[in-house]
Protein backbone atom coordinates (compact mmCIF):
# COMPACT_ATOMS: atom_id res chain seq x y z
CA UNK A 1 -0.14 0.06 0.07
CA UNK A 2 1.54 3.37 -0.70
CA UNK A 3 1.31 6.11 0.96
CA UNK A 4 0.25 9.51 -0.14
CA UNK A 5 2.40 12.61 -0.24
CA UNK A 6 0.90 15.66 1.40
CA UNK A 7 -0.15 18.05 -0.63
CA UNK A 8 1.07 21.19 1.43
CA UNK A 9 5.32 21.22 1.88
CA UNK A 10 6.66 22.09 4.82
CA UNK A 11 10.17 23.19 5.58
CA UNK A 12 11.10 22.54 9.18
CA UNK A 13 14.35 23.84 10.49
CA UNK A 14 16.13 23.50 13.84
CA UNK A 15 16.74 26.40 15.61
CA UNK A 16 18.69 25.19 19.31
CA UNK A 17 16.16 22.80 20.57
CA UNK A 18 13.29 23.95 18.86
CA UNK A 19 12.07 23.17 15.60
CA UNK A 20 10.55 25.69 13.21
CA UNK A 21 7.83 25.01 10.99
CA UNK A 22 8.06 27.51 8.14
CA UNK A 23 4.07 28.52 6.78
CA UNK A 24 3.53 27.37 2.96
CA UNK A 25 0.95 29.95 2.20
CA UNK A 26 1.80 33.70 2.89
CA UNK A 27 0.17 35.53 5.52
CA UNK A 28 -0.82 38.46 2.86
CA UNK A 29 -2.84 35.11 0.88
CA UNK A 30 -4.48 34.02 4.07
CA UNK A 31 -5.66 37.80 4.89
CA UNK A 32 -6.93 38.29 1.18
CA UNK A 33 -8.66 35.43 1.35
CA UNK A 34 -10.60 35.87 4.90
CA UNK A 35 -11.27 39.25 4.16
CA UNK A 36 -13.20 38.02 0.81
CA UNK A 37 -14.84 35.21 2.88
CA UNK A 38 -15.87 37.86 5.34
CA UNK A 39 -17.65 40.33 2.51
CA UNK A 40 -19.01 37.57 0.81
CA UNK A 41 -20.86 36.20 4.34
CA UNK A 42 -21.93 39.68 5.08
CA UNK A 43 -23.30 40.06 2.04
CA UNK A 44 -25.09 36.79 2.46
CA UNK A 45 -26.25 37.60 5.49
CA UNK A 46 -27.41 40.75 4.58
CA UNK A 47 -29.97 39.15 2.00
CA UNK A 48 -31.17 36.86 4.30
CA UNK A 49 -31.87 39.47 7.16
CA UNK A 50 -33.58 41.90 4.53
CA UNK A 51 -35.40 39.44 2.39
CA UNK A 52 -37.20 37.73 5.12
CA UNK A 53 -39.78 40.88 4.88
CA UNK A 54 -38.68 42.12 1.41
CA UNK A 55 -36.89 40.74 -2.18
CA UNK A 56 -33.96 39.60 -1.14
CA UNK A 57 -32.03 41.41 -4.22
CA UNK A 58 -33.48 45.05 -3.07
CA UNK A 59 -30.54 44.95 -0.39
CA UNK A 60 -27.91 46.32 -3.56
CA UNK A 61 -30.23 49.36 -4.66
CA UNK A 62 -29.14 52.71 -3.21
CA UNK A 63 -33.10 53.55 -1.95
CA UNK A 64 -32.67 50.63 0.13
CA UNK A 65 -29.78 52.04 2.52
CA UNK A 66 -31.23 55.54 2.04
CA UNK A 67 -34.23 54.69 3.68
CA UNK A 68 -32.28 52.43 6.20
CA UNK A 69 -30.09 55.47 7.11
CA UNK A 70 -33.46 57.67 7.26
CA UNK A 71 -34.65 54.69 9.82
CA UNK A 72 -31.94 54.99 12.30
CA UNK A 73 -31.37 58.77 11.98
CA UNK A 74 -28.25 58.76 10.69
CA UNK A 75 -29.24 60.25 7.23
CA UNK A 76 -28.73 63.99 8.27
C-alpha cells in the first residue's frame, strides 16, 4: 500500500533545541482570502436578513440604504 504525499510542503528548520515549521501559504494570501470570505458572508447575511420581509435583491438598491439611514437617524 502506497502512502500519499502531503499536498502542502513544510520546511522545518532546527533553531537550538526547537523545531520551527515555516508557512507554506504566505500570510497576505491568507488575509486576503479571509477578507473576501467575510465580505461574501456579510452580503449573504444581509440578503437573508432583509429577505425575510422584503425581496433579497433589494439590498443592492441605493434607495434601500437611504431608507435604512433615514430610519436609524444617521441620514442627516
